[in-house]
Amino acid sequence: MDTAETIKQLDRIRLLALVDFLALIPLVICFVIGSDAVKSILGPIHGIGYVGLLYLCAKGAGEGRWGWWFPAIVVVTLGPPGSLIGDIKIRRELEAAGATT
């Protein structure tokens, strides 16, 4: 497995997760206060980000870069939190593997 390509894919996931997280926070606030106008804008943005994260995580799992737990945690946490947790876990594993070789 190509570690550099795995890191590049993790970078894409991290960037998309951060952008999606920035849309998710005000979206949750809007659901609490009931602002429909903002929900109609941020809802689709978060939805696209969520699908993108799920696709990138499933693609990496299908390529054998990480396990299927990664897309599963994205589904369970509704996107950004799970993808950031998975990103950190995989980077630590790659660093540990690099230190032992």
Protein backbone atom coordinates (compact mmCIF):
# COMPACT_ATOMS: atom_id res chain seq x y z
CA MET A 1 0.00 0.00 0.00
CA ASP A 2 1.28 3.47 -0.92
CA THR A 3 1.57 5.51 2.27
CA ALA A 4 1.92 8.83 0.43
CA GLU A 5 -1.33 8.23 -1.47
CA THR A 6 -3.07 7.23 1.78
CA ILE A 7 -1.90 10.49 3.38
CA LYS A 8 -3.19 12.47 0.37
CA GLN A 9 -6.58 10.78 0.67
CA LEU A 10 -6.65 11.48 4.41
CA ASP A 11 -5.82 15.13 3.67
CA ARG A 12 -8.83 15.32 1.35
CA ILE A 13 -11.03 13.74 4.01
CA ARG A 14 -9.73 16.11 6.69
CA LEU A 15 -10.34 19.19 4.54
CA LEU A 16 -13.86 18.13 3.58
CA ALA A 17 -14.61 17.19 7.20
CA LEU A 18 -13.54 20.61 8.46
CA VAL A 19 -15.62 22.42 5.82
CA ASP A 20 -18.61 20.19 6.54
CA PHE A 21 -18.16 20.70 10.28
CA LEU A 22 -18.25 24.47 9.76
CA ALA A 23 -21.64 24.04 8.06
CA LEU A 24 -22.89 21.55 10.64
CA ILE A 25 -22.41 23.74 13.72
CA PRO A 26 -24.67 26.61 12.60
CA LEU A 27 -27.10 24.08 11.13
CA VAL A 28 -27.55 22.46 14.54
CA ILE A 29 -28.00 25.89 16.11
CA CYS A 30 -30.63 26.73 13.49
CA PHE A 31 -32.53 23.55 14.30
CA VAL A 32 -32.56 24.55 17.96
CA ILE A 33 -33.75 28.12 17.37
CA GLY A 34 -35.96 27.24 14.39
CA SER A 35 -34.49 29.38 11.60
CA ASP A 36 -35.86 27.85 8.39
CA ALA A 37 -34.06 30.21 5.99
CA VAL A 38 -30.60 29.22 7.17
CA LYS A 39 -31.56 25.53 7.35
CA SER A 40 -32.56 25.57 3.69
CA ILE A 41 -29.08 26.81 2.76
CA LEU A 42 -26.85 24.90 5.17
CA GLY A 43 -28.81 21.63 5.05
CA PRO A 44 -27.90 20.79 1.45
CA ILE A 45 -24.30 21.96 1.97
CA HIS A 46 -23.93 19.57 4.90
CA GLY A 47 -25.69 16.81 2.92
CA ILE A 48 -23.24 17.12 0.04
CA GLY A 49 -20.31 17.17 2.46
CA TYR A 50 -21.65 14.10 4.27
CA VAL A 51 -22.04 12.13 1.04
CA GLY A 52 -18.56 13.23 -0.04
CA LEU A 53 -17.02 12.08 3.25
CA LEU A 54 -18.83 8.79 3.08
CA TYR A 55 -17.65 8.26 -0.51
CA LEU A 56 -14.00 9.05 0.27
CA CYS A 57 -13.97 6.82 3.37
CA ALA A 58 -15.69 3.93 1.54
CA LYS A 59 -13.33 4.33 -1.43
CA GLY A 60 -10.31 4.04 0.87
CA ALA A 61 -11.81 1.00 2.58
CA GLY A 62 -12.49 -0.61 -0.80
CA GLU A 63 -8.87 0.02 -1.80
CA GLY A 64 -7.68 -1.66 1.41
CA ARG A 65 -6.17 1.53 2.88
CA TRP A 66 -8.20 1.11 6.10
CA GLY A 67 -11.02 -1.00 7.42
CA TRP A 68 -14.74 -0.66 6.88
CA TRP A 69 -15.01 0.73 10.40
CA PHE A 70 -14.04 4.14 8.94
CA PRO A 71 -17.13 4.64 6.73
CA ALA A 72 -19.25 3.06 9.49
CA ILE A 73 -18.11 5.64 12.04
CA VAL A 74 -18.86 8.40 9.52
CA VAL A 75 -22.42 7.10 9.22
CA VAL A 76 -22.90 6.78 12.98
CA THR A 77 -21.56 10.26 13.81
CA LEU A 78 -23.27 11.97 10.83
CA GLY A 79 -20.05 12.90 9.08
CA PRO A 80 -17.32 15.20 10.32
CA PRO A 81 -16.75 13.92 13.88
CA GLY A 82 -16.29 10.33 12.73
CA SER A 83 -14.10 11.22 9.80
CA LEU A 84 -11.83 13.34 11.98
CA ILE A 85 -11.58 10.54 14.56
CA GLY A 86 -10.75 8.04 11.80
CA ASP A 87 -8.22 10.42 10.27
CA ILE A 88 -6.36 10.77 13.56
CA LYS A 89 -6.42 7.01 14.23
CA ILE A 90 -5.10 6.10 10.78
CA ARG A 91 -2.37 8.78 10.84
CA ARG A 92 -1.17 7.46 14.21
CA GLU A 93 -1.10 3.91 12.83
CA LEU A 94 0.88 5.08 9.79
CA GLU A 95 3.35 6.92 12.01
CA ALA A 96 3.77 3.86 14.25
CA ALA A 97 4.30 1.61 11.23
CA GLY A 98 6.85 4.07 9.82
CA ALA A 99 8.74 4.18 13.11
CA THR A 100 9.04 0.40 13.27
CA THR A 101 10.38 -0.03 9.74
